[in-house]
C-alpha atoms as a PDB file:
ATOM      1  CA  MET A   1     -16.642  -9.048 -41.805  1.00  0.00           C
ATOM      2  CA  ALA A   2     -16.053 -12.210 -40.320  1.00  0.00           C
ATOM      3  CA  LYS A   3     -18.700 -14.521 -38.018  1.00  0.00           C
ATOM      4  CA  TYR A   4     -18.226 -14.373 -34.267  1.00  0.00           C
ATOM      5  CA  GLY A   5     -15.324 -16.505 -33.688  1.00  0.00           C
ATOM      6  CA  GLU A   6     -14.015 -16.978 -36.959  1.00  0.00           C
ATOM      7  CA  GLY A   7     -12.172 -13.962 -37.250  1.00  0.00           C
ATOM      8  CA  ASP A   8      -8.375 -13.830 -37.296  1.00  0.00           C
ATOM      9  CA  LYS A   9      -7.203 -15.091 -33.989  1.00  0.00           C
ATOM     10  CA  ARG A  10      -4.356 -11.982 -34.142  1.00  0.00           C
ATOM     11  CA  TRP A  11      -6.692  -9.388 -33.561  1.00  0.00           C
ATOM     12  CA  ILE A  12      -9.151 -11.332 -31.142  1.00  0.00           C
ATOM     13  CA  VAL A  13      -8.290  -9.912 -27.237  1.00  0.00           C
ATOM     14  CA  GLU A  14      -9.513 -13.144 -24.986  1.00  0.00           C
ATOM     15  CA  GLU A  15      -9.351 -13.498 -21.488  1.00  0.00           C
ATOM     16  CA  ARG A  16      -6.051 -15.374 -20.433  1.00  0.00           C
ATOM     17  CA  ALA A  17      -4.838 -17.675 -17.250  1.00  0.00           C
ATOM     18  CA  ASP A  18      -2.352 -14.743 -16.947  1.00  0.00           C
ATOM     19  CA  GLY A  19      -4.969 -12.390 -16.260  1.00  0.00           C
ATOM     20  CA  ALA A  20      -2.567 -10.542 -18.987  1.00  0.00           C
ATOM     21  CA  ASN A  21      -4.287  -7.499 -20.785  1.00  0.00           C
ATOM     22  CA  VAL A  22      -3.123  -7.782 -24.041  1.00  0.00           C
ATOM     23  CA  HIS A  23      -2.163  -4.948 -26.068  1.00  0.00           C
ATOM     24  CA  ASN A  24      -4.323  -3.286 -23.398  1.00  0.00           C
ATOM     25  CA  TRP A  25      -6.801  -3.256 -26.332  1.00  0.00           C
ATOM     26  CA  HIS A  26     -10.414  -3.522 -24.334  1.00  0.00           C
ATOM     27  CA  TRP A  27     -11.588  -1.092 -21.710  1.00  0.00           C
ATOM     28  CA  ALA A  28     -10.384  -2.084 -18.162  1.00  0.00           C
ATOM     29  CA  GLU A  29     -11.612  -0.267 -15.192  1.00  0.00           C
ATOM     30  CA  ARG A  30     -10.505  -0.394 -11.818  1.00  0.00           C
ATOM     31  CA  ASP A  31     -12.109   0.976  -8.559  1.00  0.00           C
ATOM     32  CA  CYS A  32      -9.496   3.363  -6.847  1.00  0.00           C
ATOM     33  CA  LEU A  33     -11.550   4.641  -3.996  1.00  0.00           C
ATOM     34  CA  GLU A  34      -9.974   2.793  -1.196  1.00  0.00           C
ATOM     35  CA  TRP A  35      -6.719   2.990  -3.048  1.00  0.00           C
ATOM     36  CA  SER A  36      -7.229   6.550  -3.066  1.00  0.00           C
ATOM     37  CA  ARG A  37      -8.196   6.262   0.991  1.00  0.00           C
ATOM     38  CA  SER A  38      -4.954   4.584   1.499  1.00  0.00           C
ATOM     39  CA  LEU A  39      -2.803   7.276  -0.666  1.00  0.00           C
ATOM     40  CA  LEU A  40      -4.366  10.595   0.740  1.00  0.00           C
ATOM     41  CA  SER A  41      -4.360   8.960   4.228  1.00  0.00           C
ATOM     42  CA  SER A  42      -0.254   8.477   4.053  1.00  0.00           C
ATOM     43  CA  LEU A  43       0.660  11.949   2.185  1.00  0.00           C
ATOM     44  CA  LEU A  44      -1.546  14.077   4.618  1.00  0.00           C
ATOM     45  CA  SER A  45      -1.217  12.509   7.833  1.00  0.00           C
ATOM     46  CA  GLY A  46       0.981  13.608  10.198  1.00  0.00           C
ATOM     47  CA  LEU A  47       2.707  16.512   9.058  1.00  0.00           C
ATOM     48  CA  PRO A  48       4.294  19.445  10.145  1.00  0.00           C
ATOM     49  CA  ILE A  49       2.985  22.452   9.627  1.00  0.00           C
ATOM     50  CA  LEU A  50       4.969  24.968  12.216  1.00  0.00           C
ATOM     51  CA  SER A  51       7.373  23.846  14.788  1.00  0.00           C
ATOM     52  CA  GLY A  52       7.239  26.474  17.489  1.00  0.00           C
ATOM     53  CA  GLU A  53       7.393  29.625  14.911  1.00  0.00           C
ATOM     54  CA  GLY A  54       5.453  32.826  16.226  1.00  0.00           C
ATOM     55  CA  GLY A  55       4.908  30.481  19.550  1.00  0.00           C
ATOM     56  CA  LEU A  56       2.597  28.124  17.160  1.00  0.00           C
ATOM     57  CA  THR A  57       2.988  24.303  16.427  1.00  0.00           C
ATOM     58  CA  ILE A  58       0.924  23.022  14.424  1.00  0.00           C
ATOM     59  CA  LYS A  59       0.570  18.940  13.183  1.00  0.00           C
ATOM     60  CA  THR A  60      -1.806  17.402  10.865  1.00  0.00           C
ATOM     61  CA  ARG A  61      -2.892  14.283  12.338  1.00  0.00           C
ATOM     62  CA  THR A  62      -5.407  11.714  10.206  1.00  0.00           C
ATOM     63  CA  LEU A  63      -7.303  11.592   7.183  1.00  0.00           C
ATOM     64  CA  ASP A  64     -11.129  11.679   9.267  1.00  0.00           C
ATOM     65  CA  ARG A  65     -13.240  11.622   6.193  1.00  0.00           C
ATOM     66  CA  LEU A  66     -12.943  10.663   2.798  1.00  0.00           C
ATOM     67  CA  ASP A  67     -16.476  10.576   0.726  1.00  0.00           C
ATOM     68  CA  GLY A  68     -17.413  10.417  -2.894  1.00  0.00           C
ATOM     69  CA  GLU A  69     -16.009   8.148  -6.156  1.00  0.00           C
ATOM     70  CA  ALA A  70     -12.676   7.207  -7.908  1.00  0.00           C
ATOM     71  CA  TYR A  71     -11.818   5.038 -11.048  1.00  0.00           C
ATOM     72  CA  VAL A  72      -9.549   4.468 -13.529  1.00  0.00           C
ATOM     73  CA  ASN A  73     -10.555   3.465 -17.028  1.00  0.00           C
ATOM     74  CA  ILE A  74      -8.147   2.471 -19.669  1.00  0.00           C
ATOM     75  CA  ARG A  75      -8.911   2.321 -23.306  1.00  0.00           C
ATOM     76  CA  LYS A  76      -5.857   1.381 -25.855  1.00  0.00           C
ATOM     77  CA  GLY A  77      -3.293   2.237 -23.469  1.00  0.00           C
ATOM     78  CA  LYS A  78      -4.792   5.566 -22.697  1.00  0.00           C
ATOM     79  CA  VAL A  79      -5.720   6.725 -19.210  1.00  0.00           C
ATOM     80  CA  ILE A  80      -9.172   8.041 -18.062  1.00  0.00           C
ATOM     81  CA  PRO A  81      -8.990   9.013 -14.352  1.00  0.00           C
ATOM     82  CA  GLY A  82     -12.249   9.953 -12.893  1.00  0.00           C
ATOM     83  CA  TYR A  83     -12.947  10.863  -9.240  1.00  0.00           C
ATOM     84  CA  GLU A  84     -15.181  13.202  -7.245  1.00  0.00           C
ATOM     85  CA  LEU A  85     -14.009  13.534  -3.505  1.00  0.00           C
ATOM     86  CA  SER A  86     -14.253  15.300  -0.362  1.00  0.00           C
ATOM     87  CA  LEU A  87     -12.286  14.965   2.230  1.00  0.00           C
ATOM     88  CA  THR A  88     -11.674  15.810   6.070  1.00  0.00           C
ATOM     89  CA  LEU A  89      -8.138  16.304   7.637  1.00  0.00           C
ATOM     90  CA  SER A  90      -7.766  16.690  11.147  1.00  0.00           C
ATOM     91  CA  PHE A  91      -5.230  19.055  12.980  1.00  0.00           C
ATOM     92  CA  ASP A  92      -3.517  19.738  16.447  1.00  0.00           C
ATOM     93  CA  ALA A  93      -2.391  23.335  17.673  1.00  0.00           C
ATOM     94  CA  GLU A  94      -0.473  24.572  20.335  1.00  0.00           C
ATOM     95  CA  ALA A  95      -0.118  28.414  21.422  1.00  0.00           C
ATOM     96  CA  GLY A  96       2.920  29.588  23.885  1.00  0.00           C
ATOM     97  CA  GLY A  97       2.125  31.708  26.546  1.00  0.00           C
ATOM     98  CA  ASP A  98       4.749  33.908  27.864  1.00  0.00           C
ATOM     99  CA  SER A  99       6.705  31.598  29.590  1.00  0.00           C
ATOM    100  CA  ASP A 100       8.970  28.511  28.733  1.00  0.00           C
ATOM    101  CA  ASP A 101       6.292  26.415  30.981  1.00  0.00           C
ATOM    102  CA  SER A 102       4.480  23.839  29.509  1.00  0.00           C
ATOM    103  CA  ALA A 103       1.400  24.355  31.312  1.00  0.00           C
ATOM    104  CA  SER A 104       1.176  27.709  29.717  1.00  0.00           C
ATOM    105  CA  LEU A 105       0.985  25.867  26.431  1.00  0.00           C
ATOM    106  CA  ALA A 106      -3.001  26.370  25.026  1.00  0.00           C
ATOM    107  CA  LYS A 107      -4.088  23.393  23.084  1.00  0.00           C
ATOM    108  CA  PHE A 108      -6.468  22.934  20.505  1.00  0.00           C
ATOM    109  CA  SER A 109      -7.727  21.011  17.912  1.00  0.00           C
ATOM    110  CA  GLY A 110      -9.260  21.614  13.759  1.00  0.00           C
ATOM    111  CA  THR A 111     -10.346  20.162  10.732  1.00  0.00           C
ATOM    112  CA  VAL A 112      -9.231  20.871   6.912  1.00  0.00           C
ATOM    113  CA  GLU A 113     -11.633  20.526   4.562  1.00  0.00           C
ATOM    114  CA  ILE A 114     -11.225  20.137   0.872  1.00  0.00           C
ATOM    115  CA  PRO A 115     -14.958  19.741  -0.403  1.00  0.00           C
ATOM    116  CA  TYR A 116     -14.531  19.253  -3.788  1.00  0.00           C
ATOM    117  CA  LEU A 117     -11.471  17.637  -5.450  1.00  0.00           C
ATOM    118  CA  ALA A 118     -12.203  16.553  -9.032  1.00  0.00           C
ATOM    119  CA  ASP A 119     -10.512  14.913 -12.213  1.00  0.00           C
ATOM    120  CA  GLU A 120     -12.256  17.904 -13.949  1.00  0.00           C
ATOM    121  CA  ASN A 121     -10.552  20.311 -12.186  1.00  0.00           C
ATOM    122  CA  ALA A 122      -7.572  18.450 -12.026  1.00  0.00           C
ATOM    123  CA  ASP A 123      -5.478  21.368 -13.317  1.00  0.00           C
ATOM    124  CA  GLU A 124      -6.705  23.911 -10.562  1.00  0.00           C
ATOM    125  CA  ASP A 125      -6.327  23.784  -7.042  1.00  0.00           C
ATOM    126  CA  PRO A 126      -8.780  22.818  -5.001  1.00  0.00           C
ATOM    127  CA  GLU A 127     -10.730  25.029  -2.174  1.00  0.00           C
ATOM    128  CA  VAL A 128      -9.357  24.583   1.345  1.00  0.00           C
ATOM    129  CA  LYS A 129     -11.175  25.451   4.663  1.00  0.00           C
ATOM    130  CA  VAL A 130      -9.481  25.579   7.974  1.00  0.00           C
ATOM    131  CA  SER A 131     -11.787  25.471  11.408  1.00  0.00           C
ATOM    132  CA  LEU A 132     -11.071  25.108  15.022  1.00  0.00           C
ATOM    133  CA  ARG A 133     -13.390  23.100  17.045  1.00  0.00           C
ATOM    134  CA  GLU A 134     -13.215  25.236  19.655  1.00  0.00           C
ATOM    135  CA  GLU A 135     -13.993  28.931  20.527  1.00  0.00           C
ATOM    136  CA  ALA A 136     -10.340  30.661  20.588  1.00  0.00           C
ATOM    137  CA  GLY A 137     -10.577  34.063  19.897  1.00  0.00           C
ATOM    138  CA  PRO A 138      -7.914  35.810  18.532  1.00  0.00           C
ATOM    139  CA  ILE A 139      -5.458  33.120  19.051  1.00  0.00           C
ATOM    140  CA  GLY A 140      -7.754  30.698  17.055  1.00  0.00           C
ATOM    141  CA  THR A 141      -7.734  33.596  14.474  1.00  0.00           C
ATOM    142  CA  ARG A 142      -3.974  33.757  14.221  1.00  0.00           C
ATOM    143  CA  ILE A 143      -3.922  29.585  14.259  1.00  0.00           C
ATOM    144  CA  LYS A 144      -6.180  29.538  10.836  1.00  0.00           C
ATOM    145  CA  GLU A 145      -4.214  32.260   9.374  1.00  0.00           C
ATOM    146  CA  ALA A 146      -0.608  30.813  10.011  1.00  0.00           C
ATOM    147  CA  PHE A 147      -2.142  27.124   8.735  1.00  0.00           C
ATOM    148  CA  LEU A 148      -3.505  29.233   5.454  1.00  0.00           C
ATOM    149  CA  ALA A 149      -0.163  30.658   5.247  1.00  0.00           C
ATOM    150  CA  LYS A 150       1.839  27.677   5.614  1.00  0.00           C
ATOM    151  CA  GLY A 151      -0.011  24.370   5.696  1.00  0.00           C
ATOM    152  CA  LYS A 152      -2.547  25.226   2.605  1.00  0.00           C
ATOM    153  CA  PRO A 153       0.665  25.055   0.121  1.00  0.00           C
ATOM    154  CA  LEU A 154       1.669  21.717   1.532  1.00  0.00           C
ATOM    155  CA  ILE A 155      -1.577  20.318   1.447  1.00  0.00           C
ATOM    156  CA  LEU A 156      -2.038  21.345  -2.006  1.00  0.00           C
ATOM    157  CA  GLU A 157       1.615  19.511  -3.036  1.00  0.00           C
ATOM    158  CA  LYS A 158       0.503  16.432  -1.166  1.00  0.00           C
ATOM    159  CA  VAL A 159      -2.947  16.488  -3.385  1.00  0.00           C
ATOM    160  CA  ARG A 160      -0.975  17.342  -6.349  1.00  0.00           C
ATOM    161  CA  VAL A 161       0.753  13.999  -6.041  1.00  0.00           C
ATOM    162  CA  TYR A 162      -2.574  12.355  -5.720  1.00  0.00           C
ATOM    163  CA  VAL A 163      -3.770  13.828  -8.993  1.00  0.00           C
ATOM    164  CA  GLN A 164      -0.617  13.476 -10.864  1.00  0.00           C
ATOM    165  CA  ALA A 165      -0.610   9.412  -9.209  1.00  0.00           C
ATOM    166  CA  MET A 166      -4.375   9.081 -10.816  1.00  0.00           C
ATOM    167  CA  ALA A 167      -3.209  10.543 -13.814  1.00  0.00           C
ATOM    168  CA  LYS A 168      -0.345   7.613 -14.872  1.00  0.00           C
ATOM    169  CA  GLY A 169      -2.826   5.353 -14.100  1.00  0.00           C
ATOM    170  CA  GLY A 170      -3.337   5.285 -10.479  1.00  0.00           C
ATOM    171  CA  PRO A 171      -3.399   1.306  -9.165  1.00  0.00           C
ATOM    172  CA  ALA A 172      -4.191   0.430 -12.993  1.00  0.00           C
ATOM    173  CA  LYS A 173      -1.228   1.992 -13.867  1.00  0.00           C
ATOM    174  CA  ASP A 174       0.509  -1.687 -14.619  1.00  0.00           C
ATOM    175  CA  GLU A 175      -2.324  -2.318 -17.115  1.00  0.00           C
ATOM    176  CA  LEU A 176      -0.356  -0.082 -19.303  1.00  0.00           C
ATOM    177  CA  GLU A 177       2.548  -1.756 -19.312  1.00  0.00           C
ATOM    178  CA  VAL A 178       3.047  -5.128 -21.701  1.00  0.00           C
ATOM    179  CA  LYS A 179       2.403  -8.096 -19.010  1.00  0.00           C
ATOM    180  CA  LYS A 180       5.442 -10.308 -18.339  1.00  0.00           C
ATOM    181  CA  PRO A 181       4.534 -13.355 -16.185  1.00  0.00           C
ATOM    182  CA  ALA A 182       4.473 -12.676 -12.623  1.00  0.00           C
ATOM    183  CA  LEU A 183       7.570 -15.251 -12.045  1.00  0.00           C
ATOM    184  CA  LYS A 184      10.720 -15.718 -14.015  1.00  0.00           C
ATOM    185  CA  ASN A 185      11.254 -19.026 -12.502  1.00  0.00           C
ATOM    186  CA  SER A 186       7.578 -20.446 -12.354  1.00  0.00           C
ATOM    187  CA  THR A 187       6.131 -19.107 -16.048  1.00  0.00           C
ATOM    188  CA  THR A 188       3.504 -22.272 -16.906  1.00  0.00           C
ATOM    189  CA  SER A 189       1.843 -22.815 -13.539  1.00  0.00           C
ATOM    190  CA  SER A 190       2.168 -22.975 -10.032  1.00  0.00           C
ATOM    191  CA  ALA A 191       3.218 -26.784 -10.208  1.00  0.00           C
ATOM    192  CA  ALA A 192       6.422 -25.659 -11.719  1.00  0.00           C
ATOM    193  CA  PRO A 193       8.558 -24.852  -8.718  1.00  0.00           C
ATOM    194  CA  THR A 194       7.562 -27.421  -7.326  1.00  0.00           C
ATOM    195  CA  ALA A 195       9.751 -30.428  -7.847  1.00  0.00           C
ATOM    196  CA  PRO A 196      13.174 -27.845  -7.278  1.00  0.00           C
ATOM    197  CA  ILE A 197      12.017 -26.681  -4.271  1.00  0.00           C
ATOM    198  CA  LYS A 198      11.334 -30.416  -2.919  1.00  0.00           C
ATOM    199  CA  LYS A 199      14.944 -31.350  -3.810  1.00  0.00           C
ATOM    200  CA  GLU A 200      16.663 -28.339  -2.195  1.00  0.00           C
ATOM    201  CA  GLU A 201      14.295 -29.396   1.312  1.00  0.00           C
ATOM    202  CA  LYS A 202      15.754 -32.436   1.087  1.00  0.00           C
ATOM    203  CA  LYS A 203      19.471 -31.446   0.808  1.00  0.00           C
ATOM    204  CA  GLU A 204      19.031 -28.867   3.392  1.00  0.00           C
ATOM    205  CA  LYS A 205      17.442 -31.765   5.968  1.00  0.00           C
ATOM    206  CA  LYS A 206      20.683 -33.536   5.309  1.00  0.00           C
ATOM    207  CA  GLY A 207      22.913 -30.643   6.685  1.00  0.00           C
ATOM    208  CA  ARG A 208      23.161 -28.184   4.364  1.00  0.00           C
ATOM    209  CA  GLU A 209      23.962 -24.492   5.628  1.00  0.00           C
ATOM    210  CA  GLY A 210      23.769 -20.879   4.716  1.00  0.00           C
ATOM    211  CA  PHE A 211      19.732 -20.942   5.572  1.00  0.00           C
ATOM    212  CA  LYS A 212      18.299 -19.212   8.286  1.00  0.00           C
ATOM    213  CA  THR A 213      14.856 -18.861   9.630  1.00  0.00           C
ATOM    214  CA  ILE A 214      13.064 -15.323  10.688  1.00  0.00           C
ATOM    215  CA  SER A 215      10.338 -15.432  13.259  1.00  0.00           C
ATOM    216  CA  MET A 216       8.169 -12.418  14.685  1.00  0.00           C
ATOM    217  CA  THR A 217       5.035 -11.459  16.500  1.00  0.00           C
ATOM    218  CA  GLU A 218       3.164  -8.135  15.673  1.00  0.00           C
ATOM    219  CA  LYS A 219      -0.261  -6.735  17.159  1.00  0.00           C
ATOM    220  CA  PHE A 220      -2.970  -4.475  14.888  1.00  0.00           C
ATOM    221  CA  ASN A 221      -5.526  -3.005  16.396  1.00  0.00           C
ATOM    222  CA  CYS A 222      -8.343  -4.500  13.841  1.00  0.00           C
ATOM    223  CA  ARG A 223     -10.149  -7.609  13.404  1.00  0.00           C
ATOM    224  CA  ALA A 224      -7.827 -10.568  12.039  1.00  0.00           C
ATOM    225  CA  GLN A 225     -10.146 -11.190   9.180  1.00  0.00           C
ATOM    226  CA  ILE A 226      -9.020  -7.223   8.158  1.00  0.00           C
ATOM    227  CA  MET A 227      -5.389  -8.011   8.445  1.00  0.00           C
ATOM    228  CA  TYR A 228      -5.875 -11.272   6.322  1.00  0.00           C
ATOM    229  CA  GLU A 229      -7.498  -9.075   3.445  1.00  0.00           C
ATOM    230  CA  ILE A 230      -5.548  -6.188   3.332  1.00  0.00           C
ATOM    231  CA  LEU A 231      -2.688  -9.091   3.187  1.00  0.00           C
ATOM    232  CA  MET A 232      -4.316 -10.482   0.262  1.00  0.00           C
ATOM    233  CA  ASP A 233      -5.702  -7.532  -1.677  1.00  0.00           C
ATOM    234  CA  GLU A 234      -2.806  -5.955  -4.184  1.00  0.00           C
ATOM    235  CA  ASN A 235      -4.935  -2.329  -4.549  1.00  0.00           C
ATOM    236  CA  ARG A 236      -4.239  -1.976  -0.718  1.00  0.00           C
ATOM    237  CA  TRP A 237      -0.676  -3.375  -0.865  1.00  0.00           C
ATOM    238  CA  LYS A 238      -0.239  -0.827  -3.846  1.00  0.00           C
ATOM    239  CA  GLY A 239      -1.612   1.758  -1.176  1.00  0.00           C
ATOM    240  CA  PHE A 240       0.559   1.154   1.719  1.00  0.00           C
ATOM    241  CA  THR A 241       3.776   0.594  -0.273  1.00  0.00           C
ATOM    242  CA  GLN A 242       3.663   2.655  -3.216  1.00  0.00           C
ATOM    243  CA  SER A 243       4.406   0.142  -5.366  1.00  0.00           C
ATOM    244  CA  ASN A 244       3.404  -2.503  -7.932  1.00  0.00           C
ATOM    245  CA  ALA A 245       1.697  -5.404  -6.789  1.00  0.00           C
ATOM    246  CA  ARG A 246      -0.138  -8.563  -8.261  1.00  0.00           C
ATOM    247  CA  ILE A 247      -2.188 -10.778  -6.215  1.00  0.00           C
ATOM    248  CA  SER A 248      -4.179 -13.890  -6.616  1.00  0.00           C
ATOM    249  CA  LYS A 249      -6.322 -15.166  -4.047  1.00  0.00           C
ATOM    250  CA  GLU A 250      -6.473 -18.462  -4.613  1.00  0.00           C
ATOM    251  CA  VAL A 251      -4.244 -21.366  -3.578  1.00  0.00           C
ATOM    252  CA  GLY A 252      -1.553 -21.966  -6.186  1.00  0.00           C
ATOM    253  CA  GLY A 253      -2.120 -18.578  -7.496  1.00  0.00           C
ATOM    254  CA  GLU A 254       0.921 -16.589  -8.030  1.00  0.00           C
ATOM    255  CA  PHE A 255       1.867 -12.935  -6.363  1.00  0.00           C
ATOM    256  CA  SER A 256       4.221 -10.144  -7.358  1.00  0.00           C
ATOM    257  CA  LEU A 257       5.137  -7.747  -4.925  1.00  0.00           C
ATOM    258  CA  PHE A 258       7.377  -3.997  -4.906  1.00  0.00           C
ATOM    259  CA  ASP A 259       6.856  -3.952  -8.566  1.00  0.00           C
ATOM    260  CA  GLY A 260       8.388  -7.287  -9.025  1.00  0.00           C
ATOM    261  CA  SER A 261      11.050  -7.412  -6.479  1.00  0.00           C
ATOM    262  CA  ILE A 262       9.375 -10.188  -4.818  1.00  0.00           C
ATOM    263  CA  THR A 263       7.487 -13.117  -6.239  1.00  0.00           C
ATOM    264  CA  GLY A 264       5.901 -16.249  -5.405  1.00  0.00           C
ATOM    265  CA  VAL A 265       3.050 -18.762  -5.277  1.00  0.00           C
ATOM    266  CA  ASN A 266       0.043 -19.609  -2.724  1.00  0.00           C
ATOM    267  CA  GLN A 267       0.364 -22.714  -0.797  1.00  0.00           C
ATOM    268  CA  GLU A 268      -2.108 -22.580   1.694  1.00  0.00           C
ATOM    269  CA  LEU A 269      -4.743 -19.762   2.308  1.00  0.00           C
ATOM    270  CA  GLN A 270      -7.810 -20.021   5.498  1.00  0.00           C
ATOM    271  CA  GLU A 271      -9.462 -16.553   5.611  1.00  0.00           C
ATOM    272  CA  GLY A 272      -8.906 -15.036   8.522  1.00  0.00           C
ATOM    273  CA  LYS A 273      -6.516 -17.332  10.176  1.00  0.00           C
ATOM    274  CA  LEU A 274      -3.595 -18.430   7.734  1.00  0.00           C
ATOM    275  CA  ILE A 275      -1.477 -17.372   5.212  1.00  0.00           C
ATOM    276  CA  VAL A 276       1.477 -19.646   3.446  1.00  0.00           C
ATOM    277  CA  GLN A 277       3.526 -18.955   0.407  1.00  0.00           C
ATOM    278  CA  LYS A 278       6.157 -19.927  -1.089  1.00  0.00           C
ATOM    279  CA  TRP A 279       8.505 -16.384  -1.711  1.00  0.00           C
ATOM    280  CA  ARG A 280      11.475 -14.878  -3.434  1.00  0.00           C
ATOM    281  CA  PHE A 281      13.621 -12.282  -4.072  1.00  0.00           C
ATOM    282  CA  GLY A 282      14.529 -11.631  -7.463  1.00  0.00           C
ATOM    283  CA  SER A 283      17.987 -11.160  -6.251  1.00  0.00           C
ATOM    284  CA  TRP A 284      18.123 -14.904  -5.083  1.00  0.00           C
ATOM    285  CA  ASN A 285      20.075 -17.585  -6.768  1.00  0.00           C
ATOM    286  CA  ASP A 286      17.619 -19.261  -9.332  1.00  0.00           C
ATOM    287  CA  GLY A 287      15.252 -21.983  -7.987  1.00  0.00           C
ATOM    288  CA  ILE A 288      15.879 -20.709  -4.342  1.00  0.00           C
ATOM    289  CA  PHE A 289      12.372 -20.454  -2.413  1.00  0.00           C
ATOM    290  CA  SER A 290      11.768 -19.363   1.385  1.00  0.00           C
ATOM    291  CA  THR A 291       8.182 -20.842   3.002  1.00  0.00           C
ATOM    292  CA  VAL A 292       6.451 -17.756   4.595  1.00  0.00           C
ATOM    293  CA  LYS A 293       3.907 -18.630   6.996  1.00  0.00           C
ATOM    294  CA  LEU A 294       1.553 -15.968   8.610  1.00  0.00           C
ATOM    295  CA  SER A 295      -0.446 -17.166  11.381  1.00  0.00           C
ATOM    296  CA  PHE A 296      -3.720 -14.872  12.409  1.00  0.00           C
ATOM    297  CA  ASP A 297      -4.808 -14.651  16.201  1.00  0.00           C
ATOM    298  CA  GLU A 298      -7.754 -13.078  17.659  1.00  0.00           C
ATOM    299  CA  PRO A 299      -7.628 -12.856  21.552  1.00  0.00           C
ATOM    300  CA  GLU A 300     -10.406 -10.488  22.108  1.00  0.00           C
ATOM    301  CA  PRO A 301     -12.514  -8.353  19.557  1.00  0.00           C
ATOM    302  CA  GLY A 302     -10.574  -5.731  17.957  1.00  0.00           C
ATOM    303  CA  LEU A 303      -7.049  -7.184  18.621  1.00  0.00           C
ATOM    304  CA  THR A 304      -4.649  -9.363  16.205  1.00  0.00           C
ATOM    305  CA  ILE A 305      -1.689 -10.903  16.877  1.00  0.00           C
ATOM    306  CA  LEU A 306       0.181 -12.081  13.587  1.00  0.00           C
ATOM    307  CA  LYS A 307       2.994 -14.971  13.671  1.00  0.00           C
ATOM    308  CA  LEU A 308       5.070 -14.765  10.891  1.00  0.00           C
ATOM    309  CA  VAL A 309       7.924 -17.733  10.555  1.00  0.00           C
ATOM    310  CA  GLN A 310       9.975 -17.665   7.234  1.00  0.00           C
ATOM    311  CA  THR A 311      12.243 -20.654   6.773  1.00  0.00           C
ATOM    312  CA  ASP A 312      14.850 -21.273   4.103  1.00  0.00           C
ATOM    313  CA  VAL A 313      15.544 -17.385   3.625  1.00  0.00           C
ATOM    314  CA  PRO A 314      19.604 -17.711   2.155  1.00  0.00           C
ATOM    315  CA  GLU A 315      22.279 -16.317   3.748  1.00  0.00           C
ATOM    316  CA  GLU A 316      23.789 -14.831   0.604  1.00  0.00           C
ATOM    317  CA  ASP A 317      21.855 -13.261  -2.828  1.00  0.00           C
ATOM    318  CA  ARG A 318      23.256 -14.128  -6.339  1.00  0.00           C
ATOM    319  CA  TYR A 319      25.796 -11.206  -5.643  1.00  0.00           C
ATOM    320  CA  GLY A 320      27.491 -12.198  -2.609  1.00  0.00           C
ATOM    321  CA  ASN A 321      25.730  -9.912  -0.827  1.00  0.00           C
ATOM    322  CA  ALA A 322      25.685 -11.583   3.338  1.00  0.00           C
ATOM    323  CA  THR A 323      22.905  -9.149   4.866  1.00  0.00           C
ATOM    324  CA  VAL A 324      20.055 -10.974   2.943  1.00  0.00           C
ATOM    325  CA  VAL A 325      18.216 -12.403   6.261  1.00  0.00           C
ATOM    326  CA  GLU A 326      18.749  -8.979   8.156  1.00  0.00           C
ATOM    327  CA  ASN A 327      17.333  -6.750   4.887  1.00  0.00           C
ATOM    328  CA  THR A 328      14.212  -9.495   4.618  1.00  0.00           C
ATOM    329  CA  GLU A 329      13.672  -9.093   8.201  1.00  0.00           C
ATOM    330  CA  ARG A 330      14.023  -5.448   8.228  1.00  0.00           C
ATOM    331  CA  GLY A 331      11.897  -5.409   5.110  1.00  0.00           C
ATOM    332  CA  TRP A 332       8.837  -7.047   6.923  1.00  0.00           C
ATOM    333  CA  ARG A 333       8.620  -4.968   9.977  1.00  0.00           C
ATOM    334  CA  GLU A 334       9.107  -1.623   8.443  1.00  0.00           C
ATOM    335  CA  LEU A 335       8.306  -1.619   4.923  1.00  0.00           C
ATOM    336  CA  ILE A 336       5.175  -3.726   5.486  1.00  0.00           C
ATOM    337  CA  PHE A 337       3.930  -4.167   9.049  1.00  0.00           C
ATOM    338  CA  HIS A 338       4.743  -0.457  10.347  1.00  0.00           C
ATOM    339  CA  LYS A 339       3.528   1.018   6.754  1.00  0.00           C
ATOM    340  CA  ILE A 340       0.073  -0.766   7.492  1.00  0.00           C
ATOM    341  CA  ARG A 341      -0.530   0.672  10.967  1.00  0.00           C
ATOM    342  CA  ALA A 342       0.547   4.232   9.842  1.00  0.00           C
ATOM    343  CA  VAL A 343      -1.635   3.960   6.649  1.00  0.00           C
ATOM    344  CA  PHE A 344      -4.714   2.070   8.341  1.00  0.00           C
ATOM    345  CA  GLY A 345      -4.528   3.735  11.936  1.00  0.00           C
ATOM    346  CA  PHE A 346      -4.010  -0.192  13.490  1.00  0.00           C
ATOM    347  CA  GLY A 347      -1.836   1.139  16.573  1.00  0.00           C
ATOM    348  CA  ILE A 348       1.907   1.392  17.142  1.00  0.00           C
END
């Protein structure tokens, strides 16, 4: 046996600057609790159970509690999920009276509890308990029976989506794939795209046409630091977008979002205050980068105003599609900001 440090380098798994898990040879463990919270919240919140059938309207509200642990281990390409969770989900119910008058509706609230969801029982449906917060007599009994009949199968269907996602690796799924550089146009270092970008900027200052600027302001019911952390945390990105993401938290570090559709480099980072990135879609012409500036302001505790300015967005992509600006703006609003509000409960 060779001494330590003297073995054939072809068989040695080393730490690499690009973060690649070479051949998935070593043991990789990922904490999945926050990812699980985000995914289960998106799966279970706002589900319509009944919409007037039998005089009842029932809809889930939010995932109120998730306790326990969740993680994924990967050894030589094999996924080993582990989780023991308990969760509580709230719901609202209305029972109609004898008339069509909305004032005659009786309103109730209740909870759905899954006391034990674990990997050891992944092939079995977990127990689901339904209860009302108010004493509702016969109407309450009817609501609980209706929820168990119509809502329980739907809840279990969503839970199975989570179980299957964990079985595939959860947020560590990308560790199973042979790693490729996150940026096709910047494979060696963050300095690679700098020179051509500066040349493009000089040309644009001379009057080059075909580029636009996107600006928008969004409000979130949370602290600015929390919003900053969500946008810079790859596990939370994976949770609210349901896609792979790799995000460096260092200036000069690279990122890859939406399964590699968006790539870029961090240019300036100020905790809870500012994110500046070089940012591009893979469908843009080679060497074209926009600049994204996200500014965070907290005029009062718990209220964050986020200002986005994205400059140098091309009007057309490499295929001649002229909807790049419109699609980029809609993507920020619908696939990022609205999803963050929905998953993390930061207001409308």
